[in-house]
Amino acid sequence: MDDYKLAVVFSIFVLVPLGIFKTSGMVKKLQRMSSSNNDSKSR
């Protein structure tokens, strides 16, 4: 049972930062795309 809890905690510590990193990367890409679209429209 302790091994199972350890595995769950470890997976959470690994997957949560990984998910945050991926989502933040996607948000930055979307922001870059939206900003580039706005720039092309203003010109």
Protein backbone atom coordinates (compact mmCIF):
# COMPACT_ATOMS: atom_id res chain seq x y z
CA MET A 1 0.00 0.00 0.00
CA ASP A 2 2.85 2.40 0.83
CA ASP A 3 4.46 1.71 -2.56
CA TYR A 4 1.14 2.55 -4.25
CA LYS A 5 0.86 5.87 -2.37
CA LEU A 6 4.48 6.68 -3.22
CA ALA A 7 3.83 6.00 -6.91
CA VAL A 8 0.71 8.22 -6.86
CA VAL A 9 2.56 11.08 -5.14
CA PHE A 10 5.51 10.71 -7.52
CA SER A 11 3.26 10.72 -10.60
CA ILE A 12 1.45 13.83 -9.30
CA PHE A 13 4.77 15.63 -8.68
CA VAL A 14 5.90 14.73 -12.21
CA LEU A 15 2.67 15.15 -14.21
CA VAL A 16 1.40 18.38 -12.61
CA PRO A 17 4.49 20.51 -13.46
CA LEU A 18 4.63 18.83 -16.88
CA GLY A 19 1.00 19.74 -17.54
CA ILE A 20 1.54 23.31 -16.32
CA PHE A 21 4.60 23.61 -18.58
CA LYS A 22 2.67 22.31 -21.61
CA THR A 23 -0.37 24.51 -20.99
CA SER A 24 1.78 27.61 -20.44
CA GLY A 25 3.62 26.83 -23.69
CA MET A 26 0.30 26.53 -25.54
CA VAL A 27 -0.93 29.81 -24.02
CA LYS A 28 2.27 31.58 -25.10
CA LYS A 29 1.87 30.19 -28.64
CA LEU A 30 -1.77 31.35 -28.77
CA GLN A 31 -0.81 34.80 -27.47
CA ARG A 32 1.96 35.02 -30.08
CA MET A 33 -0.47 33.99 -32.84
CA SER A 34 -3.14 36.47 -31.71
CA SER A 35 -0.58 39.29 -31.39
CA SER A 36 0.82 38.56 -34.89
CA ASN A 37 -2.74 38.56 -36.30
CA ASN A 38 -3.41 41.92 -34.65
CA ASP A 39 -0.17 43.34 -36.05
CA SER A 40 -1.05 42.25 -39.60
CA LYS A 41 -4.56 43.72 -39.23
CA SER A 42 -3.28 47.10 -37.96
CA ARG A 43 -0.95 47.34 -40.99
